């Protein structure tokens, strides 16, 4: 499984399993943008587990915080609007922690623990 994070989905829509490193560099701040964490799985059986877990995840995430999930053929995207009233660098750092924590949780769910 891999996770790709960015501010805009079009930056990360590349083929599955394309590099060893999963995390992108911090993009520059832009007005009205959205943080994106795209979780991808190539194994069909693990993907089924991942898709079942997404339903649980949707109930765990707070809509008040603006989280949104988009299902894909290879996993899902977690989106969160960038809060323009907060320091962008701090918000990016928090996003990296959220994406990493969720990746570790998902790896346990699909049986891919480090």
C-alpha atoms as a PDB file:
ATOM      1  CA  UNK A   1       0.000   0.000   0.000  1.00  0.00           C
ATOM      2  CA  UNK A   2       1.142   3.523  -0.646  1.00  0.00           C
ATOM      3  CA  UNK A   3      -0.066   6.981   0.281  1.00  0.00           C
ATOM      4  CA  UNK A   4       0.551  10.146  -1.673  1.00  0.00           C
ATOM      5  CA  UNK A   5      -0.099  13.535  -0.166  1.00  0.00           C
ATOM      6  CA  UNK A   6      -0.459  16.876  -1.842  1.00  0.00           C
ATOM      7  CA  UNK A   7      -2.700  19.881  -2.125  1.00  0.00           C
ATOM      8  CA  UNK A   8      -4.176  19.038  -5.501  1.00  0.00           C
ATOM      9  CA  UNK A   9      -5.248  15.618  -6.694  1.00  0.00           C
ATOM     10  CA  UNK A  10      -3.967  16.163 -10.208  1.00  0.00           C
ATOM     11  CA  UNK A  11      -0.402  16.280  -8.887  1.00  0.00           C
ATOM     12  CA  UNK A  12      -0.659  12.694  -7.648  1.00  0.00           C
ATOM     13  CA  UNK A  13      -2.753  10.907 -10.269  1.00  0.00           C
ATOM     14  CA  UNK A  14       0.054   8.708 -11.549  1.00  0.00           C
ATOM     15  CA  UNK A  15       0.306   4.932 -11.864  1.00  0.00           C
ATOM     16  CA  UNK A  16       0.153   2.747  -8.784  1.00  0.00           C
ATOM     17  CA  UNK A  17       3.465   1.732  -7.211  1.00  0.00           C
ATOM     18  CA  UNK A  18       5.698   4.160  -9.041  1.00  0.00           C
ATOM     19  CA  UNK A  19       8.353   5.028  -6.411  1.00  0.00           C
ATOM     20  CA  UNK A  20       9.683   3.776  -3.123  1.00  0.00           C
ATOM     21  CA  UNK A  21       8.989   7.087  -1.381  1.00  0.00           C
ATOM     22  CA  UNK A  22       5.293   7.627  -0.697  1.00  0.00           C
ATOM     23  CA  UNK A  23       5.229  11.216   0.520  1.00  0.00           C
ATOM     24  CA  UNK A  24       5.527  14.253  -1.679  1.00  0.00           C
ATOM     25  CA  UNK A  25       7.311  17.461  -0.689  1.00  0.00           C
ATOM     26  CA  UNK A  26       5.256  20.220   0.887  1.00  0.00           C
ATOM     27  CA  UNK A  27       3.608  22.310  -1.830  1.00  0.00           C
ATOM     28  CA  UNK A  28       3.394  26.083  -1.540  1.00  0.00           C
ATOM     29  CA  UNK A  29       0.293  27.596   0.003  1.00  0.00           C
ATOM     30  CA  UNK A  30      -2.563  28.537  -2.310  1.00  0.00           C
ATOM     31  CA  UNK A  31      -5.899  30.121  -1.604  1.00  0.00           C
ATOM     32  CA  UNK A  32      -8.956  27.873  -1.462  1.00  0.00           C
ATOM     33  CA  UNK A  33      -7.092  24.613  -1.879  1.00  0.00           C
ATOM     34  CA  UNK A  34      -7.552  21.164  -0.363  1.00  0.00           C
ATOM     35  CA  UNK A  35      -5.074  18.790   1.248  1.00  0.00           C
ATOM     36  CA  UNK A  36      -5.240  15.352  -0.392  1.00  0.00           C
ATOM     37  CA  UNK A  37      -4.065  11.979   0.909  1.00  0.00           C
ATOM     38  CA  UNK A  38      -4.518   9.293  -1.725  1.00  0.00           C
ATOM     39  CA  UNK A  39      -4.330   5.710  -0.440  1.00  0.00           C
ATOM     40  CA  UNK A  40      -3.654   3.074  -3.091  1.00  0.00           C
ATOM     41  CA  UNK A  41      -3.601  -0.703  -2.982  1.00  0.00           C
ATOM     42  CA  UNK A  42      -2.766  -2.973  -5.935  1.00  0.00           C
ATOM     43  CA  UNK A  43      -3.685  -6.342  -4.391  1.00  0.00           C
ATOM     44  CA  UNK A  44      -7.373  -7.113  -5.054  1.00  0.00           C
ATOM     45  CA  UNK A  45      -7.991  -8.941  -1.753  1.00  0.00           C
ATOM     46  CA  UNK A  46      -6.355  -6.190   0.294  1.00  0.00           C
ATOM     47  CA  UNK A  47      -8.289  -3.604  -1.707  1.00  0.00           C
ATOM     48  CA  UNK A  48     -11.572  -5.276  -0.667  1.00  0.00           C
ATOM     49  CA  UNK A  49     -10.544  -4.969   2.999  1.00  0.00           C
ATOM     50  CA  UNK A  50      -9.545  -1.368   2.445  1.00  0.00           C
ATOM     51  CA  UNK A  51     -12.888  -0.534   0.832  1.00  0.00           C
ATOM     52  CA  UNK A  52     -14.777  -2.081   3.765  1.00  0.00           C
ATOM     53  CA  UNK A  53     -12.701  -0.074   6.213  1.00  0.00           C
ATOM     54  CA  UNK A  54     -13.447   3.166   4.339  1.00  0.00           C
ATOM     55  CA  UNK A  55     -17.098   2.845   5.397  1.00  0.00           C
ATOM     56  CA  UNK A  56     -16.006   2.729   9.044  1.00  0.00           C
ATOM     57  CA  UNK A  57     -13.579   5.584   8.493  1.00  0.00           C
ATOM     58  CA  UNK A  58     -16.331   7.793   7.095  1.00  0.00           C
ATOM     59  CA  UNK A  59     -18.206   7.447  10.385  1.00  0.00           C
ATOM     60  CA  UNK A  60     -15.078   8.208  12.435  1.00  0.00           C
ATOM     61  CA  UNK A  61     -14.121  11.417  10.640  1.00  0.00           C
ATOM     62  CA  UNK A  62     -15.706  14.656  11.642  1.00  0.00           C
ATOM     63  CA  UNK A  63     -17.525  16.474   8.858  1.00  0.00           C
ATOM     64  CA  UNK A  64     -17.182  19.598  10.987  1.00  0.00           C
ATOM     65  CA  UNK A  65     -13.451  19.489  10.259  1.00  0.00           C
ATOM     66  CA  UNK A  66     -14.234  19.310   6.556  1.00  0.00           C
ATOM     67  CA  UNK A  67     -12.958  15.788   5.888  1.00  0.00           C
ATOM     68  CA  UNK A  68     -14.307  14.166   2.757  1.00  0.00           C
ATOM     69  CA  UNK A  69     -13.638  10.725   1.248  1.00  0.00           C
ATOM     70  CA  UNK A  70     -13.670   9.937  -2.467  1.00  0.00           C
ATOM     71  CA  UNK A  71     -13.563   6.276  -3.472  1.00  0.00           C
ATOM     72  CA  UNK A  72     -11.348   5.256  -6.381  1.00  0.00           C
ATOM     73  CA  UNK A  73     -10.814   1.983  -8.271  1.00  0.00           C
ATOM     74  CA  UNK A  74      -7.548   1.443  -6.397  1.00  0.00           C
ATOM     75  CA  UNK A  75      -8.375   2.803  -2.915  1.00  0.00           C
ATOM     76  CA  UNK A  76      -9.588   6.208  -1.808  1.00  0.00           C
ATOM     77  CA  UNK A  77      -8.718   9.872  -1.376  1.00  0.00           C
ATOM     78  CA  UNK A  78      -9.062  11.700   1.917  1.00  0.00           C
ATOM     79  CA  UNK A  79      -9.575  15.423   1.418  1.00  0.00           C
ATOM     80  CA  UNK A  80      -9.560  18.332   3.836  1.00  0.00           C
ATOM     81  CA  UNK A  81      -9.854  22.032   2.985  1.00  0.00           C
ATOM     82  CA  UNK A  82      -6.835  24.170   3.827  1.00  0.00           C
ATOM     83  CA  UNK A  83      -7.749  26.596   6.618  1.00  0.00           C
ATOM     84  CA  UNK A  84      -6.595  29.984   5.326  1.00  0.00           C
ATOM     85  CA  UNK A  85      -6.758  31.437   8.867  1.00  0.00           C
ATOM     86  CA  UNK A  86      -4.047  29.123  10.195  1.00  0.00           C
ATOM     87  CA  UNK A  87      -0.329  28.923   9.489  1.00  0.00           C
ATOM     88  CA  UNK A  88       0.088  26.888   6.325  1.00  0.00           C
ATOM     89  CA  UNK A  89       3.322  25.173   7.397  1.00  0.00           C
ATOM     90  CA  UNK A  90       1.764  24.034  10.667  1.00  0.00           C
ATOM     91  CA  UNK A  91      -1.341  22.795   8.861  1.00  0.00           C
ATOM     92  CA  UNK A  92       0.820  20.873   6.370  1.00  0.00           C
ATOM     93  CA  UNK A  93       2.774  19.267   9.223  1.00  0.00           C
ATOM     94  CA  UNK A  94      -0.513  18.197  10.848  1.00  0.00           C
ATOM     95  CA  UNK A  95      -1.702  16.792   7.510  1.00  0.00           C
ATOM     96  CA  UNK A  96       1.455  14.697   7.182  1.00  0.00           C
ATOM     97  CA  UNK A  97       0.852  13.280  10.687  1.00  0.00           C
ATOM     98  CA  UNK A  98      -2.798  12.497   9.886  1.00  0.00           C
ATOM     99  CA  UNK A  99      -1.861  10.805   6.590  1.00  0.00           C
ATOM    100  CA  UNK A 100       0.960   8.792   8.198  1.00  0.00           C
ATOM    101  CA  UNK A 101      -1.144   7.695  11.158  1.00  0.00           C
ATOM    102  CA  UNK A 102      -3.969   6.590   8.888  1.00  0.00           C
ATOM    103  CA  UNK A 103      -1.524   4.727   6.627  1.00  0.00           C
ATOM    104  CA  UNK A 104      -0.196   2.764   9.610  1.00  0.00           C
ATOM    105  CA  UNK A 105      -3.749   1.964  10.723  1.00  0.00           C
ATOM    106  CA  UNK A 106      -4.718   0.847   7.221  1.00  0.00           C
ATOM    107  CA  UNK A 107      -1.656  -1.379   6.930  1.00  0.00           C
ATOM    108  CA  UNK A 108      -2.778  -3.180  10.093  1.00  0.00           C
ATOM    109  CA  UNK A 109      -6.284  -3.580   8.683  1.00  0.00           C
ATOM    110  CA  UNK A 110      -5.070  -5.205   5.465  1.00  0.00           C
ATOM    111  CA  UNK A 111      -2.368  -7.260   7.197  1.00  0.00           C
ATOM    112  CA  UNK A 112       0.623  -5.334   5.903  1.00  0.00           C
ATOM    113  CA  UNK A 113       2.215  -4.302   9.205  1.00  0.00           C
ATOM    114  CA  UNK A 114       5.786  -3.031   9.187  1.00  0.00           C
END
